[in-house]
Amino acid sequence: LIGELCNGFQLLMDKDKGLITFESLKRSSSLLGLQDL
């Protein structure tokens, strides 16, 4: 489970910053079904 959560983090994070930022979350929101937020 921890491994899968880490994979999810990698998918959502800003590759340059190594963090989930507002911009990276907004870019990835459609992957989560959250494009309408």
Full PDB file with SEQRES, HELIX, SHEET, SSBOND, CRYST1, ORIGX, SCALE, CONECT and MASTER records, all heavy atoms in Angstrom:
SEQRES   1 A   37  LEU ILE GLY GLU LEU CYS ASN GLY PHE GLN LEU LEU MET          
SEQRES   2 A   37  ASP LYS ASP LYS GLY LEU ILE THR PHE GLU SER LEU LYS          
SEQRES   3 A   37  ARG SER SER SER LEU LEU GLY LEU GLN ASP LEU                  
HELIX    1 AA1 ILE A    2  LEU A   12  1                                  11    
HELIX    2 AA2 PHE A   22  SER A   28  1                                   7    
HELIX    3 AA3 SER A   29  LEU A   32  5                                   4    
CRYST1    1.000    1.000    1.000  90.00  90.00  90.00 P 1           1          
ORIGX1      1.000000  0.000000  0.000000        0.00000                         
ORIGX2      0.000000  1.000000  0.000000        0.00000                         
ORIGX3      0.000000  0.000000  1.000000        0.00000                         
SCALE1      1.000000  0.000000  0.000000        0.00000                         
SCALE2      0.000000  1.000000  0.000000        0.00000                         
SCALE3      0.000000  0.000000  1.000000        0.00000                         
ATOM      1  N   LEU A   1       0.832  -1.203   0.000  1.00  0.00           N  
ATOM      2  CA  LEU A   1       0.000   0.000   0.000  1.00  0.00           C  
ATOM      3  C   LEU A   1       0.868   1.256   0.000  1.00  0.00           C  
ATOM      4  O   LEU A   1       0.626   2.186  -0.771  1.00  0.00           O  
ATOM      5  CB  LEU A   1      -0.945   0.022   1.200  1.00  0.00           C  
ATOM      6  CG  LEU A   1      -1.796   1.283   1.338  1.00  0.00           C  
ATOM      7  CD1 LEU A   1      -2.727   1.455   0.139  1.00  0.00           C  
ATOM      8  CD2 LEU A   1      -2.590   1.252   2.620  1.00  0.00           C  
ATOM      9  N   ILE A   2       1.891   1.272   0.833  1.00  0.00           N  
ATOM     10  CA  ILE A   2       2.794   2.430   0.874  1.00  0.00           C  
ATOM     11  C   ILE A   2       3.457   2.615  -0.487  1.00  0.00           C  
ATOM     12  O   ILE A   2       3.587   3.737  -0.983  1.00  0.00           O  
ATOM     13  CB  ILE A   2       3.846   2.286   1.993  1.00  0.00           C  
ATOM     14  CG1 ILE A   2       3.186   2.239   3.365  1.00  0.00           C  
ATOM     15  CG2 ILE A   2       4.891   3.396   1.913  1.00  0.00           C  
ATOM     16  CD1 ILE A   2       2.400   3.480   3.733  1.00  0.00           C  
ATOM     17  N   GLY A   3       3.840   1.518  -1.116  1.00  0.00           N  
ATOM     18  CA  GLY A   3       4.433   1.592  -2.451  1.00  0.00           C  
ATOM     19  C   GLY A   3       3.483   2.209  -3.462  1.00  0.00           C  
ATOM     20  O   GLY A   3       3.878   3.039  -4.282  1.00  0.00           O  
ATOM     21  N   GLU A   4       2.222   1.811  -3.400  1.00  0.00           N  
ATOM     22  CA  GLU A   4       1.223   2.368  -4.323  1.00  0.00           C  
ATOM     23  C   GLU A   4       0.965   3.849  -4.041  1.00  0.00           C  
ATOM     24  O   GLU A   4       0.769   4.638  -4.967  1.00  0.00           O  
ATOM     25  CB  GLU A   4      -0.088   1.581  -4.258  1.00  0.00           C  
ATOM     26  CG  GLU A   4      -0.006   0.238  -4.938  1.00  0.00           C  
ATOM     27  CD  GLU A   4       0.404   0.337  -6.405  1.00  0.00           C  
ATOM     28  OE1 GLU A   4      -0.196   1.133  -7.161  1.00  0.00           O  
ATOM     29  OE2 GLU A   4       1.334  -0.390  -6.797  1.00  0.00           O  
ATOM     30  N   LEU A   5       0.952   4.226  -2.763  1.00  0.00           N  
ATOM     31  CA  LEU A   5       0.796   5.649  -2.441  1.00  0.00           C  
ATOM     32  C   LEU A   5       1.979   6.449  -2.983  1.00  0.00           C  
ATOM     33  O   LEU A   5       1.799   7.554  -3.512  1.00  0.00           O  
ATOM     34  CB  LEU A   5       0.654   5.847  -0.928  1.00  0.00           C  
ATOM     35  CG  LEU A   5      -0.673   5.395  -0.324  1.00  0.00           C  
ATOM     36  CD1 LEU A   5      -0.633   5.542   1.190  1.00  0.00           C  
ATOM     37  CD2 LEU A   5      -1.845   6.159  -0.906  1.00  0.00           C  
ATOM     38  N   CYS A   6       3.164   5.888  -2.875  1.00  0.00           N  
ATOM     39  CA  CYS A   6       4.351   6.566  -3.417  1.00  0.00           C  
ATOM     40  C   CYS A   6       4.245   6.701  -4.934  1.00  0.00           C  
ATOM     41  O   CYS A   6       4.619   7.735  -5.499  1.00  0.00           O  
ATOM     42  CB  CYS A   6       5.619   5.819  -3.031  1.00  0.00           C  
ATOM     43  SG  CYS A   6       5.996   5.919  -1.267  1.00  0.00           S  
ATOM     44  N   ASN A   7       3.722   5.672  -5.598  1.00  0.00           N  
ATOM     45  CA  ASN A   7       3.507   5.753  -7.049  1.00  0.00           C  
ATOM     46  C   ASN A   7       2.511   6.858  -7.379  1.00  0.00           C  
ATOM     47  O   ASN A   7       2.692   7.597  -8.351  1.00  0.00           O  
ATOM     48  CB  ASN A   7       3.000   4.423  -7.602  1.00  0.00           C  
ATOM     49  CG  ASN A   7       4.059   3.348  -7.601  1.00  0.00           C  
ATOM     50  OD1 ASN A   7       5.247   3.629  -7.549  1.00  0.00           O  
ATOM     51  ND2 ASN A   7       3.627   2.105  -7.637  1.00  0.00           N  
ATOM     52  N   GLY A   8       1.443   6.963  -6.583  1.00  0.00           N  
ATOM     53  CA  GLY A   8       0.457   8.025  -6.780  1.00  0.00           C  
ATOM     54  C   GLY A   8       1.078   9.397  -6.609  1.00  0.00           C  
ATOM     55  O   GLY A   8       0.792  10.324  -7.374  1.00  0.00           O  
ATOM     56  N   PHE A   9       1.944   9.530  -5.612  1.00  0.00           N  
ATOM     57  CA  PHE A   9       2.633  10.797  -5.398  1.00  0.00           C  
ATOM     58  C   PHE A   9       3.471  11.150  -6.621  1.00  0.00           C  
ATOM     59  O   PHE A   9       3.434  12.286  -7.103  1.00  0.00           O  
ATOM     60  CB  PHE A   9       3.517  10.719  -4.148  1.00  0.00           C  
ATOM     61  CG  PHE A   9       4.336  11.955  -3.939  1.00  0.00           C  
ATOM     62  CD1 PHE A   9       3.778  13.075  -3.349  1.00  0.00           C  
ATOM     63  CD2 PHE A   9       5.663  12.009  -4.352  1.00  0.00           C  
ATOM     64  CE1 PHE A   9       4.521  14.235  -3.173  1.00  0.00           C  
ATOM     65  CE2 PHE A   9       6.415  13.156  -4.181  1.00  0.00           C  
ATOM     66  CZ  PHE A   9       5.837  14.268  -3.583  1.00  0.00           C  
ATOM     67  N   GLN A  10       4.217  10.183  -7.138  1.00  0.00           N  
ATOM     68  CA  GLN A  10       5.075  10.411  -8.311  1.00  0.00           C  
ATOM     69  C   GLN A  10       4.250  10.886  -9.510  1.00  0.00           C  
ATOM     70  O   GLN A  10       4.688  11.750 -10.269  1.00  0.00           O  
ATOM     71  CB  GLN A  10       5.823   9.124  -8.686  1.00  0.00           C  
ATOM     72  CG  GLN A  10       6.787   8.634  -7.646  1.00  0.00           C  
ATOM     73  CD  GLN A  10       7.986   9.524  -7.475  1.00  0.00           C  
ATOM     74  OE1 GLN A  10       8.501  10.072  -8.439  1.00  0.00           O  
ATOM     75  NE2 GLN A  10       8.434   9.686  -6.250  1.00  0.00           N  
ATOM     76  N   LEU A  11       3.057  10.325  -9.653  1.00  0.00           N  
ATOM     77  CA  LEU A  11       2.177  10.686 -10.758  1.00  0.00           C  
ATOM     78  C   LEU A  11       1.707  12.144 -10.661  1.00  0.00           C  
ATOM     79  O   LEU A  11       1.585  12.831 -11.676  1.00  0.00           O  
ATOM     80  CB  LEU A  11       0.964   9.751 -10.761  1.00  0.00           C  
ATOM     81  CG  LEU A  11      -0.057   9.937 -11.857  1.00  0.00           C  
ATOM     82  CD1 LEU A  11       0.531   9.549 -13.203  1.00  0.00           C  
ATOM     83  CD2 LEU A  11      -1.291   9.095 -11.562  1.00  0.00           C  
ATOM     84  N   LEU A  12       1.466  12.618  -9.441  1.00  0.00           N  
ATOM     85  CA  LEU A  12       0.894  13.943  -9.239  1.00  0.00           C  
ATOM     86  C   LEU A  12       1.923  15.047  -9.030  1.00  0.00           C  
ATOM     87  O   LEU A  12       1.597  16.226  -9.153  1.00  0.00           O  
ATOM     88  CB  LEU A  12      -0.049  13.918  -8.029  1.00  0.00           C  
ATOM     89  CG  LEU A  12      -1.241  12.976  -8.140  1.00  0.00           C  
ATOM     90  CD1 LEU A  12      -1.987  12.929  -6.816  1.00  0.00           C  
ATOM     91  CD2 LEU A  12      -2.146  13.383  -9.275  1.00  0.00           C  
ATOM     92  N   MET A  13       3.145  14.697  -8.718  1.00  0.00           N  
ATOM     93  CA  MET A  13       4.117  15.724  -8.330  1.00  0.00           C  
ATOM     94  C   MET A  13       4.670  16.497  -9.518  1.00  0.00           C  
ATOM     95  O   MET A  13       4.669  16.027 -10.651  1.00  0.00           O  
ATOM     96  CB  MET A  13       5.265  15.101  -7.548  1.00  0.00           C  
ATOM     97  CG  MET A  13       6.273  14.375  -8.387  1.00  0.00           C  
ATOM     98  SD  MET A  13       7.685  13.855  -7.394  1.00  0.00           S  
ATOM     99  CE  MET A  13       8.785  13.346  -8.694  1.00  0.00           C  
ATOM    100  N   ASP A  14       5.141  17.686  -9.216  1.00  0.00           N  
ATOM    101  CA  ASP A  14       5.901  18.497 -10.152  1.00  0.00           C  
ATOM    102  C   ASP A  14       7.285  17.853 -10.236  1.00  0.00           C  
ATOM    103  O   ASP A  14       7.983  17.756  -9.233  1.00  0.00           O  
ATOM    104  CB  ASP A  14       5.995  19.933  -9.627  1.00  0.00           C  
ATOM    105  CG  ASP A  14       6.816  20.834 -10.512  1.00  0.00           C  
ATOM    106  OD1 ASP A  14       7.986  20.509 -10.788  1.00  0.00           O  
ATOM    107  OD2 ASP A  14       6.284  21.885 -10.913  1.00  0.00           O  
ATOM    108  N   LYS A  15       7.667  17.402 -11.400  1.00  0.00           N  
ATOM    109  CA  LYS A  15       8.921  16.642 -11.557  1.00  0.00           C  
ATOM    110  C   LYS A  15      10.152  17.471 -11.198  1.00  0.00           C  
ATOM    111  O   LYS A  15      11.136  16.932 -10.707  1.00  0.00           O  
ATOM    112  CB  LYS A  15       9.060  16.109 -12.985  1.00  0.00           C  
ATOM    113  CG  LYS A  15       7.898  15.275 -13.472  1.00  0.00           C  
ATOM    114  CD  LYS A  15       7.655  14.048 -12.636  1.00  0.00           C  
ATOM    115  CE  LYS A  15       6.523  13.231 -13.230  1.00  0.00           C  
ATOM    116  NZ  LYS A  15       5.601  12.679 -12.297  1.00  0.00           N  
ATOM    117  N   ASP A  16      10.109  18.771 -11.422  1.00  0.00           N  
ATOM    118  CA  ASP A  16      11.260  19.622 -11.115  1.00  0.00           C  
ATOM    119  C   ASP A  16      11.388  19.904  -9.623  1.00  0.00           C  
ATOM    120  O   ASP A  16      12.494  19.980  -9.095  1.00  0.00           O  
ATOM    121  CB  ASP A  16      11.172  20.950 -11.868  1.00  0.00           C  
ATOM    122  CG  ASP A  16      11.280  20.769 -13.377  1.00  0.00           C  
ATOM    123  OD1 ASP A  16      11.981  19.833 -13.819  1.00  0.00           O  
ATOM    124  OD2 ASP A  16      10.648  21.548 -14.115  1.00  0.00           O  
ATOM    125  N   LYS A  17      10.256  20.051  -8.943  1.00  0.00           N  
ATOM    126  CA  LYS A  17      10.275  20.415  -7.519  1.00  0.00           C  
ATOM    127  C   LYS A  17      10.206  19.212  -6.597  1.00  0.00           C  
ATOM    128  O   LYS A  17      10.525  19.318  -5.415  1.00  0.00           O  
ATOM    129  CB  LYS A  17       9.119  21.368  -7.204  1.00  0.00           C  
ATOM    130  CG  LYS A  17       9.234  22.686  -7.936  1.00  0.00           C  
ATOM    131  CD  LYS A  17       8.090  23.605  -7.622  1.00  0.00           C  
ATOM    132  CE  LYS A  17       8.245  24.907  -8.401  1.00  0.00           C  
ATOM    133  NZ  LYS A  17       7.108  25.784  -8.220  1.00  0.00           N  
ATOM    134  N   GLY A  18       9.734  18.069  -7.095  1.00  0.00           N  
ATOM    135  CA  GLY A  18       9.604  16.880  -6.254  1.00  0.00           C  
ATOM    136  C   GLY A  18       8.478  17.003  -5.243  1.00  0.00           C  
ATOM    137  O   GLY A  18       8.479  16.323  -4.215  1.00  0.00           O  
ATOM    138  N   LEU A  19       7.512  17.883  -5.523  1.00  0.00           N  
ATOM    139  CA  LEU A  19       6.389  18.145  -4.631  1.00  0.00           C  
ATOM    140  C   LEU A  19       5.095  18.182  -5.444  1.00  0.00           C  
ATOM    141  O   LEU A  19       5.122  18.447  -6.649  1.00  0.00           O  
ATOM    142  CB  LEU A  19       6.548  19.511  -3.950  1.00  0.00           C  
ATOM    143  CG  LEU A  19       7.771  19.737  -3.089  1.00  0.00           C  
ATOM    144  CD1 LEU A  19       7.910  21.225  -2.763  1.00  0.00           C  
ATOM    145  CD2 LEU A  19       7.680  18.928  -1.811  1.00  0.00           C  
ATOM    146  N   ILE A  20       3.976  17.939  -4.778  1.00  0.00           N  
ATOM    147  CA  ILE A  20       2.685  18.193  -5.411  1.00  0.00           C  
ATOM    148  C   ILE A  20       2.375  19.654  -5.162  1.00  0.00           C  
ATOM    149  O   ILE A  20       2.180  20.082  -4.027  1.00  0.00           O  
ATOM    150  CB  ILE A  20       1.577  17.293  -4.838  1.00  0.00           C  
ATOM    151  CG1 ILE A  20       1.882  15.817  -5.114  1.00  0.00           C  
ATOM    152  CG2 ILE A  20       0.218  17.682  -5.444  1.00  0.00           C  
ATOM    153  CD1 ILE A  20       0.904  14.849  -4.477  1.00  0.00           C  
ATOM    154  N   THR A  21       2.375  20.428  -6.227  1.00  0.00           N  
ATOM    155  CA  THR A  21       2.086  21.854  -6.156  1.00  0.00           C  
ATOM    156  C   THR A  21       0.675  22.088  -6.678  1.00  0.00           C  
ATOM    157  O   THR A  21       0.059  21.190  -7.261  1.00  0.00           O  
ATOM    158  CB  THR A  21       3.075  22.651  -7.029  1.00  0.00           C  
ATOM    159  OG1 THR A  21       2.898  22.248  -8.393  1.00  0.00           O  
ATOM    160  CG2 THR A  21       4.516  22.416  -6.592  1.00  0.00           C  
ATOM    161  N   PHE A  22       0.190  23.305  -6.512  1.00  0.00           N  
ATOM    162  CA  PHE A  22      -1.115  23.642  -7.068  1.00  0.00           C  
ATOM    163  C   PHE A  22      -1.123  23.385  -8.579  1.00  0.00           C  
ATOM    164  O   PHE A  22      -2.054  22.792  -9.113  1.00  0.00           O  
ATOM    165  CB  PHE A  22      -1.467  25.105  -6.776  1.00  0.00           C  
ATOM    166  CG  PHE A  22      -2.665  25.572  -7.544  1.00  0.00           C  
ATOM    167  CD1 PHE A  22      -3.938  25.152  -7.193  1.00  0.00           C  
ATOM    168  CD2 PHE A  22      -2.509  26.410  -8.637  1.00  0.00           C  
ATOM    169  CE1 PHE A  22      -5.050  25.561  -7.924  1.00  0.00           C  
ATOM    170  CE2 PHE A  22      -3.611  26.829  -9.377  1.00  0.00           C  
ATOM    171  CZ  PHE A  22      -4.887  26.402  -9.010  1.00  0.00           C  
ATOM    172  N   GLU A  23      -0.071  23.822  -9.245  1.00  0.00           N  
ATOM    173  CA  GLU A  23       0.002  23.676 -10.693  1.00  0.00           C  
ATOM    174  C   GLU A  23       0.014  22.201 -11.106  1.00  0.00           C  
ATOM    175  O   GLU A  23      -0.673  21.810 -12.046  1.00  0.00           O  
ATOM    176  CB  GLU A  23       1.244  24.387 -11.253  1.00  0.00           C  
ATOM    177  CG  GLU A  23       1.199  25.887 -11.132  1.00  0.00           C  
ATOM    178  CD  GLU A  23       1.554  26.410  -9.722  1.00  0.00           C  
ATOM    179  OE1 GLU A  23       2.116  25.648  -8.896  1.00  0.00           O  
ATOM    180  OE2 GLU A  23       1.253  27.582  -9.451  1.00  0.00           O  
ATOM    181  N   SER A  24       0.797  21.377 -10.410  1.00  0.00           N  
ATOM    182  CA  SER A  24       0.853  19.960 -10.787  1.00  0.00           C  
ATOM    183  C   SER A  24      -0.464  19.258 -10.468  1.00  0.00           C  
ATOM    184  O   SER A  24      -0.894  18.371 -11.214  1.00  0.00           O  
ATOM    185  CB  SER A  24       2.035  19.250 -10.109  1.00  0.00           C  
ATOM    186  OG  SER A  24       1.857  19.110  -8.717  1.00  0.00           O  
ATOM    187  N   LEU A  25      -1.109  19.649  -9.370  1.00  0.00           N  
ATOM    188  CA  LEU A  25      -2.412  19.062  -9.032  1.00  0.00           C  
ATOM    189  C   LEU A  25      -3.456  19.466 -10.070  1.00  0.00           C  
ATOM    190  O   LEU A  25      -4.245  18.631 -10.516  1.00  0.00           O  
ATOM    191  CB  LEU A  25      -2.847  19.497  -7.635  1.00  0.00           C  
ATOM    192  CG  LEU A  25      -4.145  18.897  -7.119  1.00  0.00           C  
ATOM    193  CD1 LEU A  25      -4.069  17.375  -7.055  1.00  0.00           C  
ATOM    194  CD2 LEU A  25      -4.466  19.460  -5.731  1.00  0.00           C  
ATOM    195  N   LYS A  26      -3.423  20.721 -10.484  1.00  0.00           N  
ATOM    196  CA  LYS A  26      -4.378  21.188 -11.488  1.00  0.00           C  
ATOM    197  C   LYS A  26      -4.164  20.452 -12.812  1.00  0.00           C  
ATOM    198  O   LYS A  26      -5.113  20.030 -13.461  1.00  0.00           O  
ATOM    199  CB  LYS A  26      -4.248  22.701 -11.676  1.00  0.00           C  
ATOM    200  CG  LYS A  26      -5.302  23.265 -12.581  1.00  0.00           C  
ATOM    201  CD  LYS A  26      -5.331  24.770 -12.518  1.00  0.00           C  
ATOM    202  CE  LYS A  26      -6.397  25.275 -13.454  1.00  0.00           C  
ATOM    203  NZ  LYS A  26      -7.097  26.407 -12.945  1.00  0.00           N  
ATOM    204  N   ARG A  27      -2.890  20.289 -13.205  1.00  0.00           N  
ATOM    205  CA  ARG A  27      -2.567  19.567 -14.433  1.00  0.00           C  
ATOM    206  C   ARG A  27      -3.037  18.116 -14.377  1.00  0.00           C  
ATOM    207  O   ARG A  27      -3.474  17.551 -15.363  1.00  0.00           O  
ATOM    208  CB  ARG A  27      -1.047  19.578 -14.642  1.00  0.00           C  
ATOM    209  CG  ARG A  27      -0.569  20.324 -15.825  1.00  0.00           C  
ATOM    210  CD  ARG A  27       0.913  20.156 -16.125  1.00  0.00           C  
ATOM    211  NE  ARG A  27       1.790  19.797 -15.039  1.00  0.00           N  
ATOM    212  CZ  ARG A  27       2.433  20.655 -14.244  1.00  0.00           C  
ATOM    213  NH1 ARG A  27       2.268  21.947 -14.403  1.00  0.00           N  
ATOM    214  NH2 ARG A  27       3.232  20.222 -13.304  1.00  0.00           N  
ATOM    215  N   SER A  28      -2.931  17.492 -13.206  1.00  0.00           N  
ATOM    216  CA  SER A  28      -3.252  16.075 -13.041  1.00  0.00           C  
ATOM    217  C   SER A  28      -4.694  15.824 -12.621  1.00  0.00           C  
ATOM    218  O   SER A  28      -5.094  14.667 -12.496  1.00  0.00           O  
ATOM    219  CB  SER A  28      -2.331  15.466 -11.972  1.00  0.00           C  
ATOM    220  OG  SER A  28      -0.994  15.665 -12.293  1.00  0.00           O  
ATOM    221  N   SER A  29      -5.458  16.867 -12.399  1.00  0.00           N  
ATOM    222  CA  SER A  29      -6.800  16.696 -11.838  1.00  0.00           C  
ATOM    223  C   SER A  29      -7.699  15.813 -12.695  1.00  0.00           C  
ATOM    224  O   SER A  29      -8.528  15.077 -12.163  1.00  0.00           O  
ATOM    225  CB  SER A  29      -7.461  18.050 -11.568  1.00  0.00           C  
ATOM    226  OG  SER A  29      -7.608  18.779 -12.758  1.00  0.00           O  
ATOM    227  N   SER A  30      -7.520  15.847 -13.998  1.00  0.00           N  
ATOM    228  CA  SER A  30      -8.370  15.008 -14.849  1.00  0.00           C  
ATOM    229  C   SER A  30      -8.064  13.526 -14.650  1.00  0.00           C  
ATOM    230  O   SER A  30      -8.951  12.683 -14.797  1.00  0.00           O  
ATOM    231  CB  SER A  30      -8.237  15.395 -16.315  1.00  0.00           C  
ATOM    232  OG  SER A  30      -6.918  15.179 -16.755  1.00  0.00           O  
ATOM    233  N   LEU A  31      -6.825  13.191 -14.303  1.00  0.00           N  
ATOM    234  CA  LEU A  31      -6.477  11.792 -14.002  1.00  0.00           C  
ATOM    235  C   LEU A  31      -7.259  11.277 -12.795  1.00  0.00           C  
ATOM    236  O   LEU A  31      -7.512  10.083 -12.673  1.00  0.00           O  
ATOM    237  CB  LEU A  31      -4.981  11.652 -13.704  1.00  0.00           C  
ATOM    238  CG  LEU A  31      -4.018  11.953 -14.831  1.00  0.00           C  
ATOM    239  CD1 LEU A  31      -2.588  11.965 -14.301  1.00  0.00           C  
ATOM    240  CD2 LEU A  31      -4.173  10.950 -15.952  1.00  0.00           C  
ATOM    241  N   LEU A  32      -7.606  12.195 -11.893  1.00  0.00           N  
ATOM    242  CA  LEU A  32      -8.315  11.844 -10.666  1.00  0.00           C  
ATOM    243  C   LEU A  32      -9.822  11.995 -10.806  1.00  0.00           C  
ATOM    244  O   LEU A  32     -10.560  11.752  -9.857  1.00  0.00           O  
ATOM    245  CB  LEU A  32      -7.834  12.748  -9.517  1.00  0.00           C  
ATOM    246  CG  LEU A  32      -6.353  12.747  -9.233  1.00  0.00           C  
ATOM    247  CD1 LEU A  32      -6.001  13.847  -8.246  1.00  0.00           C  
ATOM    248  CD2 LEU A  32      -5.921  11.398  -8.705  1.00  0.00           C  
ATOM    249  N   GLY A  33     -10.276  12.433 -11.973  1.00  0.00           N  
ATOM    250  CA  GLY A  33     -11.702  12.693 -12.161  1.00  0.00           C  
ATOM    251  C   GLY A  33     -12.138  13.983 -11.493  1.00  0.00           C  
ATOM    252  O   GLY A  33     -13.305  14.171 -11.178  1.00  0.00           O  
ATOM    253  N   LEU A  34     -11.190  14.895 -11.269  1.00  0.00           N  
ATOM    254  CA  LEU A  34     -11.465  16.142 -10.551  1.00  0.00           C  
ATOM    255  C   LEU A  34     -11.359  17.366 -11.450  1.00  0.00           C  
ATOM    256  O   LEU A  34     -11.194  18.481 -10.966  1.00  0.00           O  
ATOM    257  CB  LEU A  34     -10.493  16.292  -9.373  1.00  0.00           C  
ATOM    258  CG  LEU A  34     -10.468  15.153  -8.369  1.00  0.00           C  
ATOM    259  CD1 LEU A  34      -9.371  15.381  -7.334  1.00  0.00           C  
ATOM    260  CD2 LEU A  34     -11.821  15.014  -7.689  1.00  0.00           C  
ATOM    261  N   GLN A  35     -11.449  17.177 -12.754  1.00  0.00           N  
ATOM    262  CA  GLN A  35     -11.256  18.279 -13.688  1.00  0.00           C  
ATOM    263  C   GLN A  35     -12.264  19.405 -13.521  1.00  0.00           C  
ATOM    264  O   GLN A  35     -12.014  20.525 -13.931  1.00  0.00           O  
ATOM    265  CB  GLN A  35     -11.258  17.775 -15.138  1.00  0.00           C  
ATOM    266  CG  GLN A  35     -12.545  17.147 -15.594  1.00  0.00           C  
ATOM    267  CD  GLN A  35     -12.664  15.670 -15.259  1.00  0.00           C  
ATOM    268  OE1 GLN A  35     -11.835  15.114 -14.555  1.00  0.00           O  
ATOM    269  NE2 GLN A  35     -13.712  15.039 -15.757  1.00  0.00           N  
ATOM    270  N   ASP A  36     -13.400  19.128 -12.880  1.00  0.00           N  
ATOM    271  CA  ASP A  36     -14.423  20.162 -12.691  1.00  0.00           C  
ATOM    272  C   ASP A  36     -14.259  20.965 -11.401  1.00  0.00           C  
ATOM    273  O   ASP A  36     -15.033  21.890 -11.153  1.00  0.00           O  
ATOM    274  CB  ASP A  36     -15.825  19.529 -12.715  1.00  0.00           C  
ATOM    275  CG  ASP A  36     -16.149  18.924 -14.077  1.00  0.00           C  
ATOM    276  OD1 ASP A  36     -15.606  19.414 -15.091  1.00  0.00           O  
ATOM    277  OD2 ASP A  36     -16.928  17.959 -14.126  1.00  0.00           O  
ATOM    278  N   LEU A  37     -13.263  20.620 -10.587  1.00  0.00           N  
ATOM    279  CA  LEU A  37     -13.060  21.377  -9.346  1.00  0.00           C  
ATOM    280  C   LEU A  37     -12.495  22.755  -9.647  1.00  0.00           C  
ATOM    281  O   LEU A  37     -11.676  22.930 -10.548  1.00  0.00           O  
ATOM    282  CB  LEU A  37     -12.102  20.633  -8.412  1.00  0.00           C  
ATOM    283  CG  LEU A  37     -12.637  19.370  -7.751  1.00  0.00           C  
ATOM    284  CD1 LEU A  37     -11.585  18.776  -6.832  1.00  0.00           C  
ATOM    285  CD2 LEU A  37     -13.910  19.644  -6.966  1.00  0.00           C  
TER     286      LEU A  37                                                      
MASTER        0    0    0    3    0    0    0    6  285    1    0    3          
END                                                                             
